[in-house]
């Protein structure tokens, strides 16, 4: 819920740090990784609600959100703040 506002920025970042030949694939993977959970989670939540467990879907969602944040940080911690459009800034932390 909270990360929906940053979808465009995250997609732009993932596309800007890959080679131009791979940008379509990067954009597709970013889109799939956002759309699959949005389509599967209502079904899973419905099953859990029907089973009488009203709190578990929220805990599962919080766990996935925390894991997402950890993996996102781990994946992009080396990218410097001036890295966009395929051009690296003077920061030594940039990944080529």
Protein backbone atom coordinates (compact mmCIF):
# COMPACT_ATOMS: atom_id res chain seq x y z
CA UNK A 1 0.00 0.00 0.00
CA UNK A 2 2.68 2.50 1.00
CA UNK A 3 5.07 1.73 -1.85
CA UNK A 4 2.53 2.25 -4.67
CA UNK A 5 3.44 5.93 -4.89
CA UNK A 6 7.04 5.05 -5.62
CA UNK A 7 6.36 2.57 -8.41
CA UNK A 8 7.38 4.98 -11.16
CA UNK A 9 10.57 6.02 -9.40
CA UNK A 10 11.58 2.42 -8.75
CA UNK A 11 10.90 1.45 -12.36
CA UNK A 12 12.89 4.43 -13.61
CA UNK A 13 15.80 3.54 -11.35
CA UNK A 14 15.88 -0.10 -12.43
CA UNK A 15 15.72 0.87 -16.11
CA UNK A 16 18.36 3.59 -15.78
CA UNK A 17 21.04 1.34 -14.28
CA UNK A 18 20.98 -1.38 -16.94
CA UNK A 19 22.47 -1.37 -20.42
CA UNK A 20 20.23 -0.08 -23.20
CA UNK A 21 19.91 -3.58 -24.70
CA UNK A 22 18.40 -4.89 -21.44
CA UNK A 23 16.03 -2.01 -20.60
CA UNK A 24 12.95 -3.72 -22.00
CA UNK A 25 13.66 -6.84 -20.00
CA UNK A 26 14.35 -4.80 -16.85
CA UNK A 27 11.08 -2.90 -17.24
CA UNK A 28 9.17 -6.15 -17.82
CA UNK A 29 10.65 -7.82 -14.77
CA UNK A 30 9.92 -4.77 -12.62
CA UNK A 31 6.32 -4.78 -13.83
CA UNK A 32 5.85 -8.53 -13.29
CA UNK A 33 7.32 -8.34 -9.80
CA UNK A 34 4.73 -5.70 -8.91
CA UNK A 35 1.70 -7.19 -10.68
CA UNK A 36 1.94 -10.83 -9.57
CA UNK A 37 1.61 -10.07 -5.83
CA UNK A 38 -1.27 -7.70 -6.56
CA UNK A 39 -3.15 -10.48 -8.31
CA UNK A 40 -2.33 -13.39 -6.00
CA UNK A 41 -2.65 -11.75 -2.60
CA UNK A 42 -6.44 -11.12 -2.67
CA UNK A 43 -7.06 -14.80 -3.32
CA UNK A 44 -4.73 -15.89 -0.52
CA UNK A 45 -6.25 -13.34 1.84
CA UNK A 46 -9.75 -14.57 0.99
CA UNK A 47 -8.77 -18.13 1.86
CA UNK A 48 -7.28 -17.04 5.16
CA UNK A 49 -10.27 -14.86 6.03
CA UNK A 50 -12.63 -17.75 5.17
CA UNK A 51 -10.62 -19.99 7.49
CA UNK A 52 -11.23 -17.47 10.29
CA UNK A 53 -7.71 -16.13 10.52
CA UNK A 54 -8.17 -12.38 10.19
CA UNK A 55 -4.73 -11.23 11.40
CA UNK A 56 -2.39 -13.56 9.50
CA UNK A 57 -2.71 -11.81 6.10
CA UNK A 58 -1.50 -8.58 7.67
CA UNK A 59 1.51 -10.27 9.27
CA UNK A 60 2.36 -12.00 5.99
CA UNK A 61 2.09 -8.68 4.16
CA UNK A 62 4.33 -6.97 6.71
CA UNK A 63 6.92 -9.75 6.41
CA UNK A 64 6.96 -9.49 2.61
CA UNK A 65 7.23 -5.69 2.79
CA UNK A 66 10.19 -5.94 5.18
CA UNK A 67 11.89 -8.53 2.98
CA UNK A 68 11.29 -6.34 -0.08
CA UNK A 69 12.90 -3.35 1.60
CA UNK A 70 15.91 -5.40 2.69
CA UNK A 71 16.45 -6.92 -0.77
CA UNK A 72 15.92 -3.57 -2.51
CA UNK A 73 18.53 -1.91 -0.29
CA UNK A 74 20.91 -4.82 -0.78
CA UNK A 75 20.51 -4.63 -4.55
CA UNK A 76 20.99 -0.88 -4.94
CA UNK A 77 23.22 0.23 -2.08
CA UNK A 78 26.20 0.61 -4.42
CA UNK A 79 24.40 2.92 -6.82
CA UNK A 80 25.43 6.51 -6.19
CA UNK A 81 22.94 9.37 -5.94
CA UNK A 82 23.98 10.90 -9.27
CA UNK A 83 23.61 7.72 -11.32
CA UNK A 84 20.88 8.10 -13.94
CA UNK A 85 20.51 7.65 -17.64
CA UNK A 86 23.44 5.26 -17.86
CA UNK A 87 26.04 7.84 -16.83
CA UNK A 88 27.92 7.43 -13.60
CA UNK A 89 28.62 10.33 -11.29
CA UNK A 90 31.92 10.96 -9.58
CA UNK A 91 30.83 8.88 -6.58
CA UNK A 92 33.06 5.83 -6.09
CA UNK A 93 30.08 3.69 -5.10
CA UNK A 94 28.57 3.46 -8.59
CA UNK A 95 28.09 0.12 -10.29
CA UNK A 96 28.80 -0.02 -14.02
